[in-house]
Amino acid sequence: MTASAIEANGMAAAPGADAPADTHGMPARPSARRLLALYLLLGFSAGLPFYMFNAVLTLRLSRHGVDIVIIGFFAWIALLPTFKFAWAPLIERYDIPGFARFWGRRRGWIMLSQLGIFLSMAAMAFTSNDKSLPLTALFAILLAFWTTTLEVAADGWRIELAPSQAGQAPIVAANLWGYRSAMVAAGSGAILVAAWADWTVAYMAIAVAAFLPFPILAAMRPEREGAEGRARALATGTLASLLIVLAATIVTAGLGWALLSTAQSAGISARTNVTPVVLALALLPFVVLALALPRIRRLPADALGSMSSFAAPYVELFWRYGTPVLAILAFVSLYRMGDVLTLTLSHPLWNDRGYSLHQIGVADGVVALSASMAGVALGGFLSTRLSLGWTLGIGAVTAALGNWIYVWLWHSEPSAFILYTSVAVDQFGNGFAGAVFVVYLSMLVSPSCPGAQYALLSGFAFLLPRLLAGASGSMQTEIGYDGFFLLSGALSFAAIFLLPVIVRVKARSA
């Protein structure tokens, strides 16, 4: 999910839309109507790329006959957003040359990200035959990186604008409507275009659609009233962005080559169970923080101000919640488990059950969109009426049912009714749980550093699910599709048992 400074109906969402502000100052809060419209557009602009390196890619690989275990490994690409906390402080601190001088820091990062998204998706389009899986993985990783950067550049502003639960709920709902409708449009649209033409045309069509907000941003009013040099700022920013994208591509390719070479020298193959190693490495930073918790807890409040800008937001979170933060981390790592695992193998399941690209496209289109929007709307509404404990509990149940419905699909004769009903139940639960979960995470962060702390919490929430998703192909070969979806639903439901603990957690004030 994302929030950024796009212009809605000619209104600049960045400073200057409602009141003047300095180049890096906090923007004035837009009106409620404009804010909701803004976040609807922002969600749509950021949701388009997500399915293209996730569900659509797994279906593409499946149609090309790639082994289910290898397809499962591609789910590890979605681990990248989990570690967005590693570069979130940089996004909040540094400017993009050219863009930031005229449009400000937040829009500058968004414009860079959109260029990165377009170029990465275009590269995926022209390698869509998947003859070289390392190349497919490289461009998918880059697409995930730039999509995540776009989200990080925006989430902090959303939390700053609406720090209360009642304020967050409608904004989150509007943002998720846009985001989920874009995901569905990308997934369904790409699949239907691929059925009509091919995967190259499908990926290029979504790349062009994802890039459409860029000219809107470029036409927006400057960050400061009276700023001059729009054309020069655009040219300088575009050149700087292309160099940054090129550098990121070279670094990623180099790291990927080194990793593959090391794996081959160690005798690791597609059949090697590397999940425990990946899990240990991914959990290492969080284990270090947990071990440091007693010392963090003893720190005086004024000690946080003397820390580096990178470490301070994360230390502050642990300092504020103390030992109960471990229960919070356990809860958030379980809550979206079923959704992530389902997203990884649902499309290969439909393909193996004999459904056509046209049927899958329809399921991913109007059926998924209407069901997920209904779930988001109800989740956002109940978040303003009930306690978070109740809404989180309802969300866990609906998410679990969305997983278990696929057991029925697998054991039923293929039919449009069964496919569409299963997708509707799944997407409703996904939308409901997603809405209340975002509100919950937003309530955990400190107003002094919302972007970095939200990046840490939302990243950790998907760490364990995405690690397990990478092993989903291996799991499916052992327990079958029915066993896999029974297990994934049970893991989501298990979050309920931590609710009595987390609802009693109180933050310490400075």
Protein backbone atom coordinates (compact mmCIF):
# COMPACT_ATOMS: atom_id res chain seq x y z
CA MET A 1 0.00 0.00 0.00
CA THR A 2 1.21 3.44 -0.64
CA ALA A 3 0.66 7.06 -0.08
CA SER A 4 2.43 9.72 -2.02
CA ALA A 5 2.05 13.25 -3.26
CA ILE A 6 0.02 12.88 -6.45
CA GLU A 7 -2.34 15.57 -7.59
CA ALA A 8 -6.04 14.74 -7.47
CA ASN A 9 -8.38 16.64 -9.78
CA GLY A 10 -5.77 19.32 -10.38
CA MET A 11 -5.07 19.72 -6.67
CA ALA A 12 -1.48 19.38 -5.54
CA ALA A 13 -1.24 17.00 -2.63
CA ALA A 14 2.20 18.23 -1.75
CA PRO A 15 2.83 21.50 0.12
CA GLY A 16 1.18 24.32 -1.64
CA ALA A 17 -2.06 22.49 -2.23
CA ASP A 18 -3.72 23.87 0.86
CA ALA A 19 -1.09 26.02 2.50
CA PRO A 20 2.49 27.00 1.72
CA ALA A 21 5.35 25.05 3.24
CA ASP A 22 9.10 25.01 2.89
CA THR A 23 10.84 22.55 0.58
CA HIS A 24 11.29 19.84 3.17
CA GLY A 25 8.67 20.90 5.67
CA MET A 26 5.52 18.99 6.49
CA PRO A 27 2.73 19.59 3.99
CA ALA A 28 -0.47 21.11 5.23
CA ARG A 29 -3.33 18.66 5.59
CA PRO A 30 -5.66 18.62 2.57
CA SER A 31 -9.41 18.59 3.10
CA ALA A 32 -10.97 15.23 3.94
CA ARG A 33 -12.54 14.88 0.49
CA ARG A 34 -9.32 15.70 -1.33
CA LEU A 35 -7.31 13.46 0.98
CA LEU A 36 -9.49 10.44 0.22
CA ALA A 37 -9.39 11.12 -3.53
CA LEU A 38 -5.63 11.56 -3.33
CA TYR A 39 -5.05 8.25 -1.59
CA LEU A 40 -7.38 6.44 -3.97
CA LEU A 41 -5.18 7.59 -6.87
CA LEU A 42 -1.99 6.83 -4.99
CA GLY A 43 -3.08 3.30 -4.23
CA PHE A 44 -3.92 2.69 -7.87
CA SER A 45 -0.60 4.04 -9.16
CA ALA A 46 1.42 1.84 -6.79
CA GLY A 47 -0.66 -1.34 -7.00
CA LEU A 48 -0.16 -1.92 -10.72
CA PRO A 49 3.38 -3.41 -10.56
CA PHE A 50 2.78 -5.75 -7.60
CA TYR A 51 1.10 -8.65 -9.39
CA MET A 52 3.61 -8.48 -12.23
CA PHE A 53 6.51 -9.78 -10.12
CA ASN A 54 4.26 -11.98 -8.03
CA ALA A 55 1.07 -13.81 -9.06
CA VAL A 56 1.26 -13.03 -12.80
CA LEU A 57 4.90 -14.08 -12.89
CA THR A 58 4.17 -17.41 -11.18
CA LEU A 59 1.41 -18.07 -13.72
CA ARG A 60 3.74 -17.11 -16.58
CA LEU A 61 6.41 -19.48 -15.33
CA SER A 62 3.83 -22.22 -14.85
CA ARG A 63 2.59 -21.82 -18.44
CA HIS A 64 6.20 -22.11 -19.63
CA GLY A 65 6.57 -25.43 -17.83
CA VAL A 66 8.92 -24.27 -15.08
CA ASP A 67 9.14 -26.71 -12.19
CA ILE A 68 6.82 -25.94 -9.25
CA VAL A 69 9.80 -25.89 -6.86
CA ILE A 70 11.54 -23.22 -8.94
CA ILE A 71 8.31 -21.25 -9.10
CA GLY A 72 8.22 -21.37 -5.32
CA PHE A 73 11.75 -19.94 -5.18
CA PHE A 74 10.56 -16.93 -7.20
CA ALA A 75 8.25 -16.10 -4.30
CA TRP A 76 11.39 -15.08 -2.38
CA ILE A 77 11.55 -11.99 -4.59
CA ALA A 78 8.70 -10.68 -2.45
CA LEU A 79 11.12 -10.81 0.51
CA LEU A 80 12.70 -7.59 -0.74
CA PRO A 81 9.89 -5.35 0.56
CA THR A 82 10.34 -7.04 3.92
CA PHE A 83 13.72 -5.34 4.28
CA LYS A 84 12.58 -1.89 3.20
CA PHE A 85 13.52 -0.62 6.65
CA ALA A 86 17.15 -0.90 5.50
CA TRP A 87 16.79 1.99 3.04
CA ALA A 88 13.72 3.78 4.46
CA PRO A 89 15.85 6.29 6.46
CA LEU A 90 17.75 7.19 3.27
CA ILE A 91 14.51 8.00 1.46
CA GLU A 92 13.43 10.32 4.25
CA ARG A 93 16.82 12.05 4.41
CA TYR A 94 18.20 12.46 0.88
CA ASP A 95 16.92 14.23 -2.23
CA ILE A 96 16.79 13.15 -5.86
CA PRO A 97 18.81 15.72 -7.86
CA GLY A 98 16.65 17.89 -10.06
CA PHE A 99 13.29 16.49 -9.02
CA ALA A 100 13.54 17.53 -5.37
CA ARG A 101 14.59 21.11 -6.16
CA PHE A 102 11.30 21.77 -7.95
CA TRP A 103 8.81 19.16 -6.71
CA GLY A 104 10.19 18.37 -3.26
CA ARG A 105 11.71 15.30 -1.69
CA ARG A 106 8.64 13.03 -1.57
CA ARG A 107 7.55 13.59 -5.13
CA GLY A 108 11.18 13.32 -6.26
CA TRP A 109 11.46 9.80 -4.88
CA ILE A 110 8.09 8.89 -6.34
CA MET A 111 9.13 10.08 -9.82
CA LEU A 112 12.42 8.16 -9.60
CA SER A 113 10.52 5.05 -8.51
CA GLN A 114 8.09 5.30 -11.41
CA LEU A 115 10.95 5.48 -13.89
CA GLY A 116 12.49 2.42 -12.23
CA ILE A 117 9.18 0.56 -12.34
CA PHE A 118 8.65 1.31 -16.03
CA LEU A 119 12.16 0.26 -17.08
CA SER A 120 12.12 -2.91 -14.98
CA MET A 121 8.75 -3.99 -16.31
CA ALA A 122 9.82 -3.25 -19.88
CA ALA A 123 12.86 -5.46 -19.32
CA MET A 124 10.56 -8.23 -18.02
CA ALA A 125 8.44 -7.81 -21.15
CA PHE A 126 11.35 -8.36 -23.54
CA THR A 127 12.59 -11.41 -21.62
CA SER A 128 9.09 -12.89 -21.26
CA ASN A 129 10.00 -16.20 -22.91
CA ASP A 130 11.78 -17.06 -19.62
CA LYS A 131 14.60 -18.80 -21.48
CA SER A 132 17.03 -17.31 -18.96
CA LEU A 133 15.57 -17.61 -15.47
CA PRO A 134 18.42 -15.58 -13.90
CA LEU A 135 17.48 -12.65 -16.16
CA THR A 136 13.82 -13.08 -15.29
CA ALA A 137 14.73 -13.03 -11.61
CA LEU A 138 16.99 -9.96 -12.00
CA PHE A 139 14.31 -7.77 -13.56
CA ALA A 140 11.63 -9.05 -11.19
CA ILE A 141 13.83 -8.14 -8.22
CA LEU A 142 14.39 -4.65 -9.64
CA LEU A 143 10.65 -4.23 -10.17
CA ALA A 144 10.03 -5.26 -6.56
CA PHE A 145 12.71 -2.83 -5.34
CA TRP A 146 11.34 0.21 -7.14
CA THR A 147 7.75 -0.63 -6.23
CA THR A 148 8.75 -0.87 -2.58
CA THR A 149 10.69 2.40 -2.76
CA LEU A 150 7.57 4.12 -4.04
CA GLU A 151 5.61 2.79 -1.07
CA VAL A 152 8.23 3.76 1.51
CA ALA A 153 8.39 7.31 0.16
CA ALA A 154 4.68 7.70 0.81
CA ASP A 155 3.56 5.72 3.87
CA GLY A 156 5.10 8.10 6.40
CA TRP A 157 3.06 11.01 5.11
CA ARG A 158 -0.18 9.08 5.48
CA ILE A 159 0.56 8.39 9.12
CA GLU A 160 1.63 11.97 9.78
CA LEU A 161 -1.59 13.33 8.26
CA ALA A 162 -3.88 11.03 10.25
CA PRO A 163 -2.29 9.81 13.51
CA SER A 164 -5.53 8.49 15.07
CA GLN A 165 -7.38 5.21 14.46
CA ALA A 166 -10.53 7.05 13.36
CA GLY A 167 -8.50 9.20 10.97
CA GLN A 168 -6.54 6.31 9.52
CA ALA A 169 -9.48 4.01 8.76
CA PRO A 170 -11.11 5.94 5.87
CA ILE A 171 -7.74 6.89 4.34
CA VAL A 172 -6.53 3.30 4.52
CA ALA A 173 -9.79 2.10 2.96
CA ALA A 174 -9.50 4.60 0.08
CA ASN A 175 -5.84 3.75 -0.43
CA LEU A 176 -6.53 0.01 -0.42
CA TRP A 177 -9.42 0.45 -2.86
CA GLY A 178 -7.03 2.06 -5.29
CA TYR A 179 -4.23 -0.38 -4.57
CA ARG A 180 -6.31 -3.53 -4.81
CA SER A 181 -8.21 -2.37 -7.87
CA ALA A 182 -4.85 -1.74 -9.56
CA MET A 183 -3.56 -5.16 -8.53
CA VAL A 184 -6.67 -6.77 -9.96
CA ALA A 185 -6.51 -4.62 -13.09
CA ALA A 186 -2.87 -5.57 -13.57
CA GLY A 187 -3.43 -9.26 -12.87
CA SER A 188 -6.62 -9.68 -14.84
CA GLY A 189 -5.59 -7.26 -17.58
CA ALA A 190 -2.17 -8.82 -18.08
CA ILE A 191 -3.59 -12.35 -18.18
CA LEU A 192 -6.32 -11.44 -20.66
CA VAL A 193 -3.85 -9.55 -22.87
CA ALA A 194 -1.48 -12.55 -22.72
CA ALA A 195 -4.35 -14.81 -23.78
CA TRP A 196 -5.09 -12.47 -26.69
CA ALA A 197 -1.49 -11.67 -27.70
CA ASP A 198 1.51 -12.76 -25.60
CA TRP A 199 3.34 -12.02 -22.34
CA THR A 200 5.53 -9.32 -23.91
CA VAL A 201 2.52 -7.25 -24.92
CA ALA A 202 0.91 -7.90 -21.54
CA TYR A 203 3.90 -6.64 -19.55
CA MET A 204 4.40 -3.60 -21.79
CA ALA A 205 0.72 -2.65 -21.46
CA ILE A 206 0.96 -2.66 -17.65
CA ALA A 207 4.32 -0.84 -17.79
CA VAL A 208 2.74 2.01 -19.77
CA ALA A 209 -0.24 2.15 -17.41
CA ALA A 210 2.06 2.25 -14.37
CA PHE A 211 4.00 5.14 -15.87
CA LEU A 212 0.96 7.35 -16.50
CA PRO A 213 1.20 9.17 -13.11
CA PHE A 214 4.68 10.44 -14.02
CA PRO A 215 3.51 13.19 -16.41
CA ILE A 216 0.82 14.13 -13.86
CA LEU A 217 3.51 14.61 -11.23
CA ALA A 218 5.67 16.56 -13.66
CA ALA A 219 2.78 18.93 -14.41
CA MET A 220 2.05 19.62 -10.75
CA ARG A 221 2.76 22.93 -9.10
CA PRO A 222 6.18 23.29 -7.46
CA GLU A 223 6.87 22.52 -3.84
CA ARG A 224 7.41 26.20 -3.19
CA GLU A 225 5.33 28.99 -4.62
CA GLY A 226 7.30 30.90 -7.26
CA ALA A 227 9.87 28.16 -7.95
CA GLU A 228 11.30 28.34 -11.45
CA GLY A 229 12.95 25.96 -13.88
CA ARG A 230 10.42 23.15 -14.38
CA ALA A 231 11.95 21.96 -17.67
CA ARG A 232 15.49 22.06 -16.30
CA ALA A 233 14.44 20.22 -13.12
CA LEU A 234 12.67 17.57 -15.20
CA ALA A 235 15.69 17.05 -17.48
CA THR A 236 18.18 16.97 -14.60
CA GLY A 237 15.99 14.70 -12.48
CA THR A 238 15.35 12.29 -15.36
CA LEU A 239 19.06 12.02 -16.16
CA ALA A 240 19.98 11.52 -12.51
CA SER A 241 17.22 8.92 -12.15
CA LEU A 242 18.38 6.96 -15.19
CA LEU A 243 21.90 6.86 -13.75
CA ILE A 244 20.54 5.70 -10.38
CA VAL A 245 18.43 2.99 -12.07
CA LEU A 246 21.45 1.84 -14.09
CA ALA A 247 23.64 1.71 -10.97
CA ALA A 248 20.97 -0.28 -9.10
CA THR A 249 20.75 -2.73 -12.01
CA ILE A 250 24.53 -3.25 -12.11
CA VAL A 251 24.77 -3.74 -8.35
CA THR A 252 21.82 -6.15 -8.30
CA ALA A 253 23.22 -8.15 -11.22
CA GLY A 254 26.62 -8.36 -9.53
CA LEU A 255 25.17 -9.51 -6.24
CA GLY A 256 22.94 -12.03 -8.03
CA TRP A 257 25.85 -13.45 -10.00
CA ALA A 258 27.94 -13.79 -6.83
CA LEU A 259 25.07 -15.48 -5.01
CA LEU A 260 24.38 -17.95 -7.83
CA SER A 261 28.09 -18.74 -8.19
CA THR A 262 28.40 -19.37 -4.47
CA ALA A 263 25.30 -21.58 -4.48
CA GLN A 264 26.58 -23.62 -7.42
CA SER A 265 30.03 -24.06 -5.82
CA ALA A 266 28.30 -25.26 -2.63
CA GLY A 267 26.34 -27.84 -4.64
CA ILE A 268 22.96 -26.20 -4.02
CA SER A 269 20.34 -27.14 -6.62
CA ALA A 270 16.61 -26.70 -7.13
CA ARG A 271 16.00 -29.72 -4.88
CA THR A 272 18.11 -28.41 -2.00
CA ASN A 273 16.13 -27.25 1.02
CA VAL A 274 17.64 -23.81 1.59
CA THR A 275 14.68 -22.48 3.57
CA PRO A 276 16.34 -22.95 7.01
CA VAL A 277 19.43 -21.02 5.86
CA VAL A 278 17.40 -18.19 4.34
CA LEU A 279 15.23 -18.06 7.44
CA ALA A 280 18.27 -17.82 9.74
CA LEU A 281 19.86 -15.04 7.69
CA ALA A 282 16.63 -13.08 7.37
CA LEU A 283 15.85 -13.30 11.06
CA LEU A 284 19.38 -12.31 12.13
CA PRO A 285 18.79 -8.53 12.39
CA PHE A 286 15.62 -9.07 14.40
CA VAL A 287 17.32 -11.58 16.70
CA VAL A 288 20.05 -9.02 17.37
CA LEU A 289 17.42 -6.43 18.27
CA ALA A 290 15.65 -8.89 20.56
CA LEU A 291 18.92 -9.74 22.34
CA ALA A 292 19.61 -6.05 22.75
CA LEU A 293 16.13 -5.44 24.16
CA PRO A 294 17.09 -5.45 27.88
CA ARG A 295 19.78 -2.85 27.25
CA ILE A 296 17.47 -0.79 25.04
CA ARG A 297 14.80 -0.87 27.72
CA ARG A 298 17.23 0.63 30.29
CA LEU A 299 18.16 3.58 28.09
CA PRO A 300 17.05 7.02 29.30
CA ALA A 301 14.64 8.76 26.97
CA ASP A 302 17.13 11.50 26.08
CA ALA A 303 19.64 8.89 24.84
CA LEU A 304 17.54 8.27 21.74
CA GLY A 305 18.17 11.77 20.46
CA SER A 306 21.93 11.21 20.29
CA MET A 307 21.70 8.08 18.12
CA SER A 308 22.26 7.91 14.37
CA SER A 309 19.30 8.74 12.14
CA PHE A 310 19.31 5.15 10.89
CA ALA A 311 19.16 3.34 14.24
CA ALA A 312 17.09 5.76 16.32
CA PRO A 313 13.61 4.97 14.89
CA TYR A 314 14.02 1.23 15.43
CA VAL A 315 15.58 1.50 18.87
CA GLU A 316 12.78 3.89 19.88
CA LEU A 317 10.14 1.32 18.91
CA PHE A 318 11.74 -1.36 21.09
CA TRP A 319 12.35 1.15 23.90
CA ARG A 320 8.70 2.25 23.87
CA TYR A 321 7.12 -1.22 23.96
CA GLY A 322 9.79 -3.20 25.80
CA THR A 323 9.51 -7.00 26.06
CA PRO A 324 5.87 -7.12 24.79
CA VAL A 325 7.19 -5.98 21.40
CA LEU A 326 8.20 -9.62 20.85
CA ALA A 327 4.54 -10.66 21.13
CA ILE A 328 3.62 -7.88 18.68
CA LEU A 329 6.21 -9.12 16.19
CA ALA A 330 4.98 -12.70 16.56
CA PHE A 331 1.39 -11.58 15.94
CA VAL A 332 2.15 -9.50 12.85
CA SER A 333 4.28 -12.28 11.35
CA LEU A 334 1.35 -14.71 11.58
CA TYR A 335 -1.55 -12.45 10.67
CA ARG A 336 -1.01 -12.23 6.90
CA MET A 337 0.51 -15.71 6.56
CA GLY A 338 -2.41 -17.27 4.71
CA ASP A 339 -2.78 -14.40 2.25
CA VAL A 340 0.87 -14.55 1.20
CA LEU A 341 0.96 -18.32 0.83
CA THR A 342 -2.31 -18.34 -1.11
CA LEU A 343 -1.05 -15.68 -3.52
CA THR A 344 2.00 -17.82 -4.30
CA LEU A 345 0.23 -21.03 -5.33
CA SER A 346 -3.35 -20.01 -6.16
CA HIS A 347 -2.54 -19.28 -9.81
CA PRO A 348 -0.54 -22.49 -10.34
CA LEU A 349 -3.45 -24.32 -8.63
CA TRP A 350 -5.95 -22.87 -11.10
CA ASN A 351 -3.64 -23.72 -14.00
CA ASP A 352 -3.12 -27.31 -12.82
CA ARG A 353 -6.86 -27.75 -12.27
CA GLY A 354 -7.41 -26.97 -15.94
CA TYR A 355 -8.80 -23.45 -15.92
CA SER A 356 -8.08 -21.34 -19.02
CA LEU A 357 -6.29 -17.99 -19.10
CA HIS A 358 -9.61 -16.35 -19.95
CA GLN A 359 -11.35 -17.85 -16.89
CA ILE A 360 -8.41 -16.94 -14.65
CA GLY A 361 -8.42 -13.41 -16.07
CA VAL A 362 -12.11 -12.96 -15.26
CA ALA A 363 -11.59 -14.37 -11.75
CA ASP A 364 -8.70 -11.99 -11.19
CA GLY A 365 -10.77 -9.14 -12.61
CA VAL A 366 -14.33 -8.24 -11.75
CA VAL A 367 -14.76 -11.07 -9.22
CA ALA A 368 -11.62 -10.34 -7.21
CA LEU A 369 -12.06 -6.57 -7.43
CA SER A 370 -15.65 -6.45 -6.21
CA ALA A 371 -15.02 -8.96 -3.40
CA SER A 372 -11.82 -7.31 -2.16
CA MET A 373 -13.38 -3.82 -2.28
CA ALA A 374 -16.29 -5.09 -0.19
CA GLY A 375 -13.84 -6.58 2.32
CA VAL A 376 -11.80 -3.38 2.51
CA ALA A 377 -14.91 -1.26 2.94
CA LEU A 378 -16.27 -3.42 5.75
CA GLY A 379 -12.87 -3.65 7.44
CA GLY A 380 -12.36 0.11 7.28
CA PHE A 381 -15.91 0.76 8.54
CA LEU A 382 -15.68 -1.64 11.49
CA SER A 383 -12.28 -0.18 12.43
CA THR A 384 -14.07 3.09 13.18
CA ARG A 385 -16.82 1.37 15.21
CA LEU A 386 -15.18 -1.52 17.06
CA SER A 387 -12.00 -2.03 19.02
CA LEU A 388 -8.97 -3.22 17.04
CA GLY A 389 -9.02 -6.48 19.00
CA TRP A 390 -12.44 -7.42 17.61
CA THR A 391 -11.71 -6.32 14.05
CA LEU A 392 -8.36 -8.11 14.01
CA GLY A 393 -10.05 -11.28 15.25
CA ILE A 394 -12.74 -11.13 12.55
CA GLY A 395 -10.02 -10.51 9.97
CA ALA A 396 -8.09 -13.61 11.04
CA VAL A 397 -11.20 -15.76 10.62
CA THR A 398 -12.11 -14.36 7.19
CA ALA A 399 -8.51 -14.75 5.99
CA ALA A 400 -8.43 -18.39 7.11
CA LEU A 401 -11.71 -19.13 5.32
CA GLY A 402 -10.25 -17.58 2.17
CA ASN A 403 -7.48 -20.18 2.27
CA TRP A 404 -9.62 -23.17 3.13
CA ILE A 405 -12.05 -22.48 0.26
CA TYR A 406 -9.36 -23.62 -2.20
CA VAL A 407 -9.49 -27.14 -0.77
CA TRP A 408 -13.09 -27.28 -2.04
CA LEU A 409 -11.96 -25.95 -5.42
CA TRP A 410 -9.22 -28.56 -5.75
CA HIS A 411 -11.61 -31.45 -5.05
CA SER A 412 -14.40 -30.12 -7.29
CA GLU A 413 -14.89 -30.50 -11.02
CA PRO A 414 -13.71 -27.35 -12.81
CA SER A 415 -16.49 -24.83 -13.34
CA ALA A 416 -16.75 -21.06 -13.56
CA PHE A 417 -19.06 -20.98 -10.52
CA ILE A 418 -16.58 -22.83 -8.29
CA LEU A 419 -13.62 -20.71 -9.43
CA TYR A 420 -15.42 -17.39 -9.04
CA THR A 421 -16.95 -18.31 -5.68
CA SER A 422 -13.58 -19.40 -4.30
CA VAL A 423 -11.86 -16.24 -5.50
CA ALA A 424 -14.64 -14.07 -4.07
CA VAL A 425 -14.36 -15.66 -0.60
CA ASP A 426 -10.56 -15.43 -0.70
CA GLN A 427 -10.44 -11.80 -1.83
CA PHE A 428 -13.13 -10.65 0.62
CA GLY A 429 -11.17 -12.10 3.52
CA ASN A 430 -7.91 -10.71 2.15
CA GLY A 431 -9.38 -7.21 1.79
CA PHE A 432 -10.98 -7.20 5.23
CA ALA A 433 -7.89 -8.48 7.03
CA GLY A 434 -5.61 -6.14 5.06
CA ALA A 435 -7.60 -3.03 5.98
CA VAL A 436 -7.73 -3.66 9.73
CA PHE A 437 -4.09 -4.79 9.77
CA VAL A 438 -2.84 -1.55 8.22
CA VAL A 439 -4.80 0.46 10.79
CA TYR A 440 -3.27 -1.64 13.58
CA LEU A 441 0.30 -1.16 12.34
CA SER A 442 -0.28 2.56 11.91
CA MET A 443 -1.31 2.83 15.54
CA LEU A 444 1.95 1.24 16.71
CA VAL A 445 4.36 3.79 15.25
CA SER A 446 5.66 6.97 16.80
CA PRO A 447 4.59 10.30 15.23
CA SER A 448 8.25 11.39 15.34
CA CYS A 449 9.44 8.69 12.90
CA PRO A 450 6.39 7.04 11.30
CA GLY A 451 7.91 6.16 7.93
CA ALA A 452 10.87 4.16 9.20
CA GLN A 453 8.93 2.38 11.96
CA TYR A 454 6.05 1.50 9.65
CA ALA A 455 8.58 0.13 7.17
CA LEU A 456 10.06 -2.07 9.91
CA LEU A 457 6.73 -3.39 11.17
CA SER A 458 5.13 -3.94 7.77
CA GLY A 459 8.34 -5.54 6.52
CA PHE A 460 8.54 -7.90 9.47
CA ALA A 461 4.87 -8.77 9.02
CA PHE A 462 5.69 -10.40 5.69
CA LEU A 463 9.13 -11.81 6.49
CA LEU A 464 8.13 -15.29 7.72
CA PRO A 465 5.19 -15.66 5.29
CA ARG A 466 7.37 -14.84 2.28
CA LEU A 467 10.16 -17.08 3.48
CA LEU A 468 7.69 -19.97 3.69
CA ALA A 469 6.25 -18.95 0.33
CA GLY A 470 9.63 -19.64 -1.22
CA ALA A 471 9.30 -23.22 -0.04
CA SER A 472 5.66 -23.49 -1.10
CA GLY A 473 6.52 -25.55 -4.17
CA SER A 474 8.39 -28.08 -2.04
CA MET A 475 5.53 -28.13 0.45
CA GLN A 476 3.00 -28.75 -2.31
CA THR A 477 4.94 -31.73 -3.63
CA GLU A 478 4.88 -33.26 -0.13
CA ILE A 479 1.30 -32.57 1.05
CA GLY A 480 -0.56 -31.63 -2.14
CA TYR A 481 -2.61 -28.55 -2.86
CA ASP A 482 -5.32 -29.48 -0.36
CA GLY A 483 -2.84 -29.99 2.48
CA PHE A 484 -1.05 -26.77 1.58
CA PHE A 485 -4.18 -24.60 1.75
CA LEU A 486 -5.41 -26.29 4.93
CA LEU A 487 -2.06 -25.45 6.54
CA SER A 488 -1.92 -21.86 5.28
CA GLY A 489 -5.41 -21.14 6.61
CA ALA A 490 -4.55 -22.66 9.98
CA LEU A 491 -1.48 -20.42 10.27
CA SER A 492 -3.59 -17.31 9.69
CA PHE A 493 -6.16 -18.47 12.22
CA ALA A 494 -3.42 -19.07 14.81
CA ALA A 495 -2.90 -15.30 15.16
CA ILE A 496 -6.14 -15.20 17.18
CA PHE A 497 -4.41 -16.87 20.13
CA LEU A 498 -2.05 -13.89 20.48
CA LEU A 499 -4.84 -11.30 20.46
CA PRO A 500 -5.45 -11.39 24.28
CA VAL A 501 -1.79 -10.48 24.74
CA ILE A 502 -1.31 -7.75 22.16
CA VAL A 503 -4.51 -5.84 22.99
CA ARG A 504 -3.13 -5.29 26.51
CA VAL A 505 0.24 -3.96 25.36
CA LYS A 506 0.80 -0.35 26.41
CA ALA A 507 3.54 1.88 25.04
CA ARG A 508 5.87 3.69 27.42
CA SER A 509 5.94 7.48 27.10
CA ALA A 510 9.17 9.42 27.13
